[in-house]
Amino acid sequence: MDCDKTYVRMYRYLDGEITVWRRWRITRHLVKCPPCANGYDFEIELREVIATRCRDTVPDDVKRRIAEAIERACNERHAPAGDQADARRRVE
């Protein structure tokens, strides 16, 4: 495993979303490569900070507006071509 492949797979490695074989190869690379090991340590610390300090709540109004925007986007995606153009004009 090289540094580029390790970097690309780092988040899946951290989330436990890779095969045992790839996990073993990445672990072996991290043991032998201090720059990648430092990057891994940074990501672990960053996750800990986010988990312990980032506890802000999203206001209900913002949640509602996001849900409405997602619903509009889904409806536009599944609408006939003429309806999509009309929807785009309404948004603009």
PDB file of N, CA and C in Angstrom:
ATOM      1  N   MET A   1       0.871  -1.175   0.000  1.00  0.00           N
ATOM      2  CA  MET A   1       0.000   0.000   0.000  1.00  0.00           C
ATOM      3  C   MET A   1       0.910   1.228   0.000  1.00  0.00           C
ATOM      4  N   ASP A   2       0.614   2.182  -0.875  1.00  0.00           N
ATOM      5  CA  ASP A   2       1.408   3.410  -0.909  1.00  0.00           C
ATOM      6  C   ASP A   2       0.644   4.554  -0.230  1.00  0.00           C
ATOM      7  N   CYS A   3       1.295   5.700  -0.117  1.00  0.00           N
ATOM      8  CA  CYS A   3       0.708   6.848   0.585  1.00  0.00           C
ATOM      9  C   CYS A   3      -0.583   7.333  -0.084  1.00  0.00           C
ATOM     10  N   ASP A   4      -0.595   7.396  -1.407  1.00  0.00           N
ATOM     11  CA  ASP A   4      -1.795   7.867  -2.111  1.00  0.00           C
ATOM     12  C   ASP A   4      -2.992   6.959  -1.852  1.00  0.00           C
ATOM     13  N   LYS A   5      -2.790   5.662  -1.958  1.00  0.00           N
ATOM     14  CA  LYS A   5      -3.888   4.719  -1.712  1.00  0.00           C
ATOM     15  C   LYS A   5      -4.334   4.777  -0.255  1.00  0.00           C
ATOM     16  N   THR A   6      -3.375   4.919   0.646  1.00  0.00           N
ATOM     17  CA  THR A   6      -3.722   5.023   2.068  1.00  0.00           C
ATOM     18  C   THR A   6      -4.563   6.263   2.303  1.00  0.00           C
ATOM     19  N   TYR A   7      -4.163   7.379   1.723  1.00  0.00           N
ATOM     20  CA  TYR A   7      -4.902   8.634   1.896  1.00  0.00           C
ATOM     21  C   TYR A   7      -6.324   8.516   1.352  1.00  0.00           C
ATOM     22  N   VAL A   8      -6.459   7.936   0.172  1.00  0.00           N
ATOM     23  CA  VAL A   8      -7.771   7.802  -0.459  1.00  0.00           C
ATOM     24  C   VAL A   8      -8.706   6.943   0.400  1.00  0.00           C
ATOM     25  N   ARG A   9      -8.160   5.940   1.057  1.00  0.00           N
ATOM     26  CA  ARG A   9      -8.989   5.009   1.835  1.00  0.00           C
ATOM     27  C   ARG A   9      -9.066   5.347   3.320  1.00  0.00           C
ATOM     28  N   MET A  10      -8.430   6.442   3.734  1.00  0.00           N
ATOM     29  CA  MET A  10      -8.323   6.766   5.159  1.00  0.00           C
ATOM     30  C   MET A  10      -9.680   6.885   5.850  1.00  0.00           C
ATOM     31  N   TYR A  11     -10.626   7.581   5.244  1.00  0.00           N
ATOM     32  CA  TYR A  11     -11.915   7.801   5.920  1.00  0.00           C
ATOM     33  C   TYR A  11     -12.712   6.517   6.014  1.00  0.00           C
ATOM     34  N   ARG A  12     -12.652   5.693   4.968  1.00  0.00           N
ATOM     35  CA  ARG A  12     -13.325   4.404   5.052  1.00  0.00           C
ATOM     36  C   ARG A  12     -12.643   3.516   6.085  1.00  0.00           C
ATOM     37  N   TYR A  13     -11.333   3.653   6.223  1.00  0.00           N
ATOM     38  CA  TYR A  13     -10.580   2.927   7.249  1.00  0.00           C
ATOM     39  C   TYR A  13     -11.038   3.377   8.637  1.00  0.00           C
ATOM     40  N   LEU A  14     -11.121   4.685   8.829  1.00  0.00           N
ATOM     41  CA  LEU A  14     -11.555   5.222  10.120  1.00  0.00           C
ATOM     42  C   LEU A  14     -12.981   4.799  10.462  1.00  0.00           C
ATOM     43  N   ASP A  15     -13.829   4.672   9.444  1.00  0.00           N
ATOM     44  CA  ASP A  15     -15.231   4.308   9.665  1.00  0.00           C
ATOM     45  C   ASP A  15     -15.443   2.793   9.706  1.00  0.00           C
ATOM     46  N   GLY A  16     -14.383   2.027   9.506  1.00  0.00           N
ATOM     47  CA  GLY A  16     -14.506   0.577   9.526  1.00  0.00           C
ATOM     48  C   GLY A  16     -15.270   0.032   8.331  1.00  0.00           C
ATOM     49  N   GLU A  17     -15.167   0.705   7.191  1.00  0.00           N
ATOM     50  CA  GLU A  17     -15.946   0.335   6.010  1.00  0.00           C
ATOM     51  C   GLU A  17     -15.100  -0.321   4.923  1.00  0.00           C
ATOM     52  N   ILE A  18     -14.025  -0.970   5.304  1.00  0.00           N
ATOM     53  CA  ILE A  18     -13.185  -1.643   4.315  1.00  0.00           C
ATOM     54  C   ILE A  18     -12.986  -3.096   4.728  1.00  0.00           C
ATOM     55  N   THR A  19     -12.489  -3.863   3.797  1.00  0.00           N
ATOM     56  CA  THR A  19     -12.281  -5.283   4.068  1.00  0.00           C
ATOM     57  C   THR A  19     -11.155  -5.468   5.084  1.00  0.00           C
ATOM     58  N   VAL A  20     -11.130  -6.621   5.689  1.00  0.00           N
ATOM     59  CA  VAL A  20     -10.077  -6.946   6.657  1.00  0.00           C
ATOM     60  C   VAL A  20      -8.704  -6.869   5.988  1.00  0.00           C
ATOM     61  N   TRP A  21      -8.615  -7.357   4.759  1.00  0.00           N
ATOM     62  CA  TRP A  21      -7.346  -7.342   4.033  1.00  0.00           C
ATOM     63  C   TRP A  21      -6.840  -5.913   3.819  1.00  0.00           C
ATOM     64  N   ARG A  22      -7.709  -5.017   3.344  1.00  0.00           N
ATOM     65  CA  ARG A  22      -7.277  -3.625   3.143  1.00  0.00           C
ATOM     66  C   ARG A  22      -6.961  -2.958   4.470  1.00  0.00           C
ATOM     67  N   ARG A  23      -7.730  -3.260   5.502  1.00  0.00           N
ATOM     68  CA  ARG A  23      -7.456  -2.702   6.832  1.00  0.00           C
ATOM     69  C   ARG A  23      -6.055  -3.117   7.289  1.00  0.00           C
ATOM     70  N   TRP A  24      -5.716  -4.367   7.096  1.00  0.00           N
ATOM     71  CA  TRP A  24      -4.396  -4.868   7.489  1.00  0.00           C
ATOM     72  C   TRP A  24      -3.298  -4.154   6.699  1.00  0.00           C
ATOM     73  N   ARG A  25      -3.535  -3.964   5.384  1.00  0.00           N
ATOM     74  CA  ARG A  25      -2.527  -3.302   4.552  1.00  0.00           C
ATOM     75  C   ARG A  25      -2.346  -1.842   4.961  1.00  0.00           C
ATOM     76  N   ILE A  26      -3.419  -1.153   5.267  1.00  0.00           N
ATOM     77  CA  ILE A  26      -3.316   0.244   5.684  1.00  0.00           C
ATOM     78  C   ILE A  26      -2.641   0.336   7.042  1.00  0.00           C
ATOM     79  N   THR A  27      -3.021  -0.531   7.955  1.00  0.00           N
ATOM     80  CA  THR A  27      -2.384  -0.538   9.283  1.00  0.00           C
ATOM     81  C   THR A  27      -0.886  -0.743   9.147  1.00  0.00           C
ATOM     82  N   ARG A  28      -0.505  -1.703   8.314  1.00  0.00           N
ATOM     83  CA  ARG A  28       0.920  -1.969   8.092  1.00  0.00           C
ATOM     84  C   ARG A  28       1.607  -0.738   7.508  1.00  0.00           C
ATOM     85  N   HIS A  29       0.964  -0.048   6.583  1.00  0.00           N
ATOM     86  CA  HIS A  29       1.545   1.162   5.998  1.00  0.00           C
ATOM     87  C   HIS A  29       1.687   2.252   7.062  1.00  0.00           C
ATOM     88  N   LEU A  30       0.662   2.440   7.889  1.00  0.00           N
ATOM     89  CA  LEU A  30       0.726   3.481   8.922  1.00  0.00           C
ATOM     90  C   LEU A  30       1.873   3.235   9.904  1.00  0.00           C
ATOM     91  N   VAL A  31       2.146   1.973  10.204  1.00  0.00           N
ATOM     92  CA  VAL A  31       3.247   1.636  11.114  1.00  0.00           C
ATOM     93  C   VAL A  31       4.596   2.020  10.499  1.00  0.00           C
ATOM     94  N   LYS A  32       4.694   1.891   9.186  1.00  0.00           N
ATOM     95  CA  LYS A  32       5.972   2.126   8.513  1.00  0.00           C
ATOM     96  C   LYS A  32       6.136   3.538   7.952  1.00  0.00           C
ATOM     97  N   CYS A  33       5.076   4.343   7.933  1.00  0.00           N
ATOM     98  CA  CYS A  33       5.138   5.651   7.271  1.00  0.00           C
ATOM     99  C   CYS A  33       4.732   6.764   8.242  1.00  0.00           C
ATOM    100  N   PRO A  34       5.693   7.434   8.874  1.00  0.00           N
ATOM    101  CA  PRO A  34       5.364   8.492   9.835  1.00  0.00           C
ATOM    102  C   PRO A  34       4.481   9.617   9.284  1.00  0.00           C
ATOM    103  N   PRO A  35       4.675  10.109   8.051  1.00  0.00           N
ATOM    104  CA  PRO A  35       3.776  11.163   7.571  1.00  0.00           C
ATOM    105  C   PRO A  35       2.308  10.707   7.504  1.00  0.00           C
ATOM    106  N   CYS A  36       2.059   9.504   7.017  1.00  0.00           N
ATOM    107  CA  CYS A  36       0.691   8.994   6.964  1.00  0.00           C
ATOM    108  C   CYS A  36       0.159   8.739   8.375  1.00  0.00           C
ATOM    109  N   ALA A  37       1.016   8.236   9.261  1.00  0.00           N
ATOM    110  CA  ALA A  37       0.597   8.005  10.644  1.00  0.00           C
ATOM    111  C   ALA A  37       0.228   9.322  11.316  1.00  0.00           C
ATOM    112  N   ASN A  38       0.971  10.381  11.032  1.00  0.00           N
ATOM    113  CA  ASN A  38       0.637  11.696  11.585  1.00  0.00           C
ATOM    114  C   ASN A  38      -0.709  12.190  11.049  1.00  0.00           C
ATOM    115  N   GLY A  39      -0.951  11.970   9.765  1.00  0.00           N
ATOM    116  CA  GLY A  39      -2.237  12.340   9.182  1.00  0.00           C
ATOM    117  C   GLY A  39      -3.378  11.560   9.822  1.00  0.00           C
ATOM    118  N   TYR A  40      -3.144  10.293  10.062  1.00  0.00           N
ATOM    119  CA  TYR A  40      -4.146   9.448  10.720  1.00  0.00           C
ATOM    120  C   TYR A  40      -4.417   9.960  12.137  1.00  0.00           C
ATOM    121  N   ASP A  41      -3.351  10.254  12.881  1.00  0.00           N
ATOM    122  CA  ASP A  41      -3.508  10.779  14.246  1.00  0.00           C
ATOM    123  C   ASP A  41      -4.287  12.086  14.250  1.00  0.00           C
ATOM    124  N   PHE A  42      -4.013  12.959  13.264  1.00  0.00           N
ATOM    125  CA  PHE A  42      -4.746  14.213  13.157  1.00  0.00           C
ATOM    126  C   PHE A  42      -6.233  13.959  12.946  1.00  0.00           C
ATOM    127  N   GLU A  43      -6.568  13.045  12.053  1.00  0.00           N
ATOM    128  CA  GLU A  43      -7.979  12.745  11.771  1.00  0.00           C
ATOM    129  C   GLU A  43      -8.680  12.187  13.011  1.00  0.00           C
ATOM    130  N   ILE A  44      -7.991  11.362  13.777  1.00  0.00           N
ATOM    131  CA  ILE A  44      -8.567  10.826  15.015  1.00  0.00           C
ATOM    132  C   ILE A  44      -8.840  11.973  15.991  1.00  0.00           C
ATOM    133  N   GLU A  45      -7.865  12.866  16.170  1.00  0.00           N
ATOM    134  CA  GLU A  45      -8.051  14.008  17.077  1.00  0.00           C
ATOM    135  C   GLU A  45      -9.174  14.916  16.598  1.00  0.00           C
ATOM    136  N   LEU A  46      -9.250  15.159  15.300  1.00  0.00           N
ATOM    137  CA  LEU A  46     -10.302  16.004  14.743  1.00  0.00           C
ATOM    138  C   LEU A  46     -11.678  15.400  15.014  1.00  0.00           C
ATOM    139  N   ARG A  47     -11.816  14.117  14.828  1.00  0.00           N
ATOM    140  CA  ARG A  47     -13.089  13.453  15.115  1.00  0.00           C
ATOM    141  C   ARG A  47     -13.459  13.566  16.592  1.00  0.00           C
ATOM    142  N   GLU A  48     -12.469  13.455  17.464  1.00  0.00           N
ATOM    143  CA  GLU A  48     -12.743  13.580  18.900  1.00  0.00           C
ATOM    144  C   GLU A  48     -13.206  14.989  19.245  1.00  0.00           C
ATOM    145  N   VAL A  49     -12.560  16.000  18.659  1.00  0.00           N
ATOM    146  CA  VAL A  49     -12.964  17.388  18.906  1.00  0.00           C
ATOM    147  C   VAL A  49     -14.384  17.616  18.408  1.00  0.00           C
ATOM    148  N   ILE A  50     -14.672  17.163  17.223  1.00  0.00           N
ATOM    149  CA  ILE A  50     -16.019  17.342  16.670  1.00  0.00           C
ATOM    150  C   ILE A  50     -17.053  16.634  17.539  1.00  0.00           C
ATOM    151  N   ALA A  51     -16.741  15.432  17.962  1.00  0.00           N
ATOM    152  CA  ALA A  51     -17.692  14.658  18.766  1.00  0.00           C
ATOM    153  C   ALA A  51     -17.945  15.286  20.130  1.00  0.00           C
ATOM    154  N   THR A  52     -16.937  15.931  20.706  1.00  0.00           N
ATOM    155  CA  THR A  52     -17.097  16.455  22.059  1.00  0.00           C
ATOM    156  C   THR A  52     -17.474  17.929  22.122  1.00  0.00           C
ATOM    157  N   ARG A  53     -17.147  18.685  21.091  1.00  0.00           N
ATOM    158  CA  ARG A  53     -17.361  20.136  21.176  1.00  0.00           C
ATOM    159  C   ARG A  53     -18.396  20.698  20.210  1.00  0.00           C
ATOM    160  N   CYS A  54     -18.689  20.009  19.177  1.00  0.00           N
ATOM    161  CA  CYS A  54     -19.612  20.523  18.162  1.00  0.00           C
ATOM    162  C   CYS A  54     -21.009  19.987  18.438  1.00  0.00           C
ATOM    163  N   ARG A  55     -21.696  20.654  19.309  1.00  0.00           N
ATOM    164  CA  ARG A  55     -23.018  20.197  19.722  1.00  0.00           C
ATOM    165  C   ARG A  55     -24.103  21.233  19.432  1.00  0.00           C
ATOM    166  N   ASP A  56     -23.852  22.129  18.490  1.00  0.00           N
ATOM    167  CA  ASP A  56     -24.854  23.131  18.138  1.00  0.00           C
ATOM    168  C   ASP A  56     -26.075  22.447  17.530  1.00  0.00           C
ATOM    169  N   THR A  57     -27.228  23.031  17.774  1.00  0.00           N
ATOM    170  CA  THR A  57     -28.447  22.509  17.176  1.00  0.00           C
ATOM    171  C   THR A  57     -28.863  23.401  16.021  1.00  0.00           C
ATOM    172  N   VAL A  58     -29.493  22.804  15.062  1.00  0.00           N
ATOM    173  CA  VAL A  58     -29.964  23.541  13.892  1.00  0.00           C
ATOM    174  C   VAL A  58     -31.371  24.050  14.195  1.00  0.00           C
ATOM    175  N   PRO A  59     -31.612  25.348  13.991  1.00  0.00           N
ATOM    176  CA  PRO A  59     -32.951  25.888  14.242  1.00  0.00           C
ATOM    177  C   PRO A  59     -34.009  25.173  13.387  1.00  0.00           C
ATOM    178  N   ASP A  60     -35.201  25.044  13.939  1.00  0.00           N
ATOM    179  CA  ASP A  60     -36.288  24.357  13.240  1.00  0.00           C
ATOM    180  C   ASP A  60     -36.591  24.990  11.891  1.00  0.00           C
ATOM    181  N   ASP A  61     -36.528  26.330  11.805  1.00  0.00           N
ATOM    182  CA  ASP A  61     -36.792  27.019  10.554  1.00  0.00           C
ATOM    183  C   ASP A  61     -35.794  26.601   9.469  1.00  0.00           C
ATOM    184  N   VAL A  62     -34.542  26.464   9.842  1.00  0.00           N
ATOM    185  CA  VAL A  62     -33.519  26.058   8.878  1.00  0.00           C
ATOM    186  C   VAL A  62     -33.778  24.614   8.425  1.00  0.00           C
ATOM    187  N   LYS A  63     -34.114  23.733   9.370  1.00  0.00           N
ATOM    188  CA  LYS A  63     -34.433  22.351   9.010  1.00  0.00           C
ATOM    189  C   LYS A  63     -35.610  22.304   8.035  1.00  0.00           C
ATOM    190  N   ARG A  64     -36.629  23.109   8.293  1.00  0.00           N
ATOM    191  CA  ARG A  64     -37.810  23.136   7.435  1.00  0.00           C
ATOM    192  C   ARG A  64     -37.440  23.600   6.031  1.00  0.00           C
ATOM    193  N   ARG A  65     -36.634  24.676   5.932  1.00  0.00           N
ATOM    194  CA  ARG A  65     -36.250  25.204   4.623  1.00  0.00           C
ATOM    195  C   ARG A  65     -35.403  24.197   3.848  1.00  0.00           C
ATOM    196  N   ILE A  66     -34.537  23.496   4.532  1.00  0.00           N
ATOM    197  CA  ILE A  66     -33.716  22.471   3.864  1.00  0.00           C
ATOM    198  C   ILE A  66     -34.599  21.347   3.353  1.00  0.00           C
ATOM    199  N   ALA A  67     -35.527  20.884   4.188  1.00  0.00           N
ATOM    200  CA  ALA A  67     -36.441  19.810   3.776  1.00  0.00           C
ATOM    201  C   ALA A  67     -37.264  20.241   2.564  1.00  0.00           C
ATOM    202  N   GLU A  68     -37.736  21.473   2.565  1.00  0.00           N
ATOM    203  CA  GLU A  68     -38.516  21.981   1.427  1.00  0.00           C
ATOM    204  C   GLU A  68     -37.667  22.050   0.166  1.00  0.00           C
ATOM    205  N   ALA A  69     -36.424  22.482   0.299  1.00  0.00           N
ATOM    206  CA  ALA A  69     -35.531  22.569  -0.869  1.00  0.00           C
ATOM    207  C   ALA A  69     -35.242  21.180  -1.432  1.00  0.00           C
ATOM    208  N   ILE A  70     -35.045  20.214  -0.562  1.00  0.00           N
ATOM    209  CA  ILE A  70     -34.809  18.838  -1.018  1.00  0.00           C
ATOM    210  C   ILE A  70     -36.046  18.306  -1.725  1.00  0.00           C
ATOM    211  N   GLU A  71     -37.199  18.550  -1.150  1.00  0.00           N
ATOM    212  CA  GLU A  71     -38.444  18.083  -1.765  1.00  0.00           C
ATOM    213  C   GLU A  71     -38.636  18.720  -3.142  1.00  0.00           C
ATOM    214  N   ARG A  72     -38.379  20.033  -3.262  1.00  0.00           N
ATOM    215  CA  ARG A  72     -38.498  20.708  -4.558  1.00  0.00           C
ATOM    216  C   ARG A  72     -37.543  20.100  -5.573  1.00  0.00           C
ATOM    217  N   ALA A  73     -36.296  19.858  -5.148  1.00  0.00           N
ATOM    218  CA  ALA A  73     -35.299  19.297  -6.064  1.00  0.00           C
ATOM    219  C   ALA A  73     -35.716  17.903  -6.526  1.00  0.00           C
ATOM    220  N   CYS A  74     -36.255  17.096  -5.624  1.00  0.00           N
ATOM    221  CA  CYS A  74     -36.718  15.756  -5.990  1.00  0.00           C
ATOM    222  C   CYS A  74     -37.888  15.835  -6.954  1.00  0.00           C
ATOM    223  N   ASN A  75     -38.813  16.737  -6.689  1.00  0.00           N
ATOM    224  CA  ASN A  75     -39.974  16.894  -7.570  1.00  0.00           C
ATOM    225  C   ASN A  75     -39.552  17.367  -8.954  1.00  0.00           C
ATOM    226  N   GLU A  76     -38.595  18.283  -9.009  1.00  0.00           N
ATOM    227  CA  GLU A  76     -38.117  18.783 -10.299  1.00  0.00           C
ATOM    228  C   GLU A  76     -37.406  17.685 -11.077  1.00  0.00           C
ATOM    229  N   ARG A  77     -36.672  16.864 -10.384  1.00  0.00           N
ATOM    230  CA  ARG A  77     -35.926  15.788 -11.033  1.00  0.00           C
ATOM    231  C   ARG A  77     -36.866  14.784 -11.682  1.00  0.00           C
ATOM    232  N   HIS A  78     -38.023  14.572 -11.069  1.00  0.00           N
ATOM    233  CA  HIS A  78     -38.966  13.575 -11.568  1.00  0.00           C
ATOM    234  C   HIS A  78     -40.090  14.169 -12.405  1.00  0.00           C
ATOM    235  N   ALA A  79     -40.071  15.480 -12.610  1.00  0.00           N
ATOM    236  CA  ALA A  79     -41.124  16.145 -13.384  1.00  0.00           C
ATOM    237  C   ALA A  79     -40.818  16.045 -14.875  1.00  0.00           C
ATOM    238  N   PRO A  80     -41.855  16.112 -15.725  1.00  0.00           N
ATOM    239  CA  PRO A  80     -41.613  16.155 -17.176  1.00  0.00           C
ATOM    240  C   PRO A  80     -40.763  17.371 -17.543  1.00  0.00           C
ATOM    241  N   ALA A  81     -40.112  17.333 -18.702  1.00  0.00           N
ATOM    242  CA  ALA A  81     -39.158  18.377 -19.107  1.00  0.00           C
ATOM    243  C   ALA A  81     -39.760  19.773 -19.063  1.00  0.00           C
ATOM    244  N   GLY A  82     -40.974  19.970 -19.535  1.00  0.00           N
ATOM    245  CA  GLY A  82     -41.606  21.294 -19.516  1.00  0.00           C
ATOM    246  C   GLY A  82     -41.802  21.804 -18.107  1.00  0.00           C
ATOM    247  N   ASP A  83     -42.185  20.917 -17.197  1.00  0.00           N
ATOM    248  CA  ASP A  83     -42.382  21.307 -15.800  1.00  0.00           C
ATOM    249  C   ASP A  83     -41.057  21.696 -15.145  1.00  0.00           C
ATOM    250  N   GLN A  84     -39.961  21.051 -15.534  1.00  0.00           N
ATOM    251  CA  GLN A  84     -38.660  21.385 -14.968  1.00  0.00           C
ATOM    252  C   GLN A  84     -38.259  22.800 -15.336  1.00  0.00           C
ATOM    253  N   ALA A  85     -38.500  23.198 -16.584  1.00  0.00           N
ATOM    254  CA  ALA A  85     -38.161  24.567 -17.012  1.00  0.00           C
ATOM    255  C   ALA A  85     -38.992  25.573 -16.240  1.00  0.00           C
ATOM    256  N   ASP A  86     -40.285  25.289 -16.023  1.00  0.00           N
ATOM    257  CA  ASP A  86     -41.128  26.183 -15.246  1.00  0.00           C
ATOM    258  C   ASP A  86     -40.622  26.295 -13.811  1.00  0.00           C
ATOM    259  N   ALA A  87     -40.212  25.183 -13.228  1.00  0.00           N
ATOM    260  CA  ALA A  87     -39.718  25.188 -11.850  1.00  0.00           C
ATOM    261  C   ALA A  87     -38.433  25.998 -11.737  1.00  0.00           C
ATOM    262  N   ARG A  88     -37.561  25.893 -12.734  1.00  0.00           N
ATOM    263  CA  ARG A  88     -36.317  26.655 -12.705  1.00  0.00           C
ATOM    264  C   ARG A  88     -36.593  28.151 -12.759  1.00  0.00           C
ATOM    265  N   ARG A  89     -37.542  28.548 -13.586  1.00  0.00           N
ATOM    266  CA  ARG A  89     -37.884  29.969 -13.686  1.00  0.00           C
ATOM    267  C   ARG A  89     -38.439  30.480 -12.359  1.00  0.00           C
ATOM    268  N   ARG A  90     -39.228  29.675 -11.656  1.00  0.00           N
ATOM    269  CA  ARG A  90     -39.777  30.096 -10.363  1.00  0.00           C
ATOM    270  C   ARG A  90     -38.676  30.286  -9.331  1.00  0.00           C
ATOM    271  N   VAL A  91     -37.657  29.447  -9.381  1.00  0.00           N
ATOM    272  CA  VAL A  91     -36.541  29.543  -8.426  1.00  0.00           C
ATOM    273  C   VAL A  91     -35.713  30.779  -8.712  1.00  0.00           C
ATOM    274  N   GLU A  92     -35.503  31.077  -9.981  1.00  0.00           N
ATOM    275  CA  GLU A  92     -34.679  32.242 -10.365  1.00  0.00           C
ATOM    276  C   GLU A  92     -35.427  33.482 -10.037  1.00  0.00           C
TER     277      GLU A  92
END
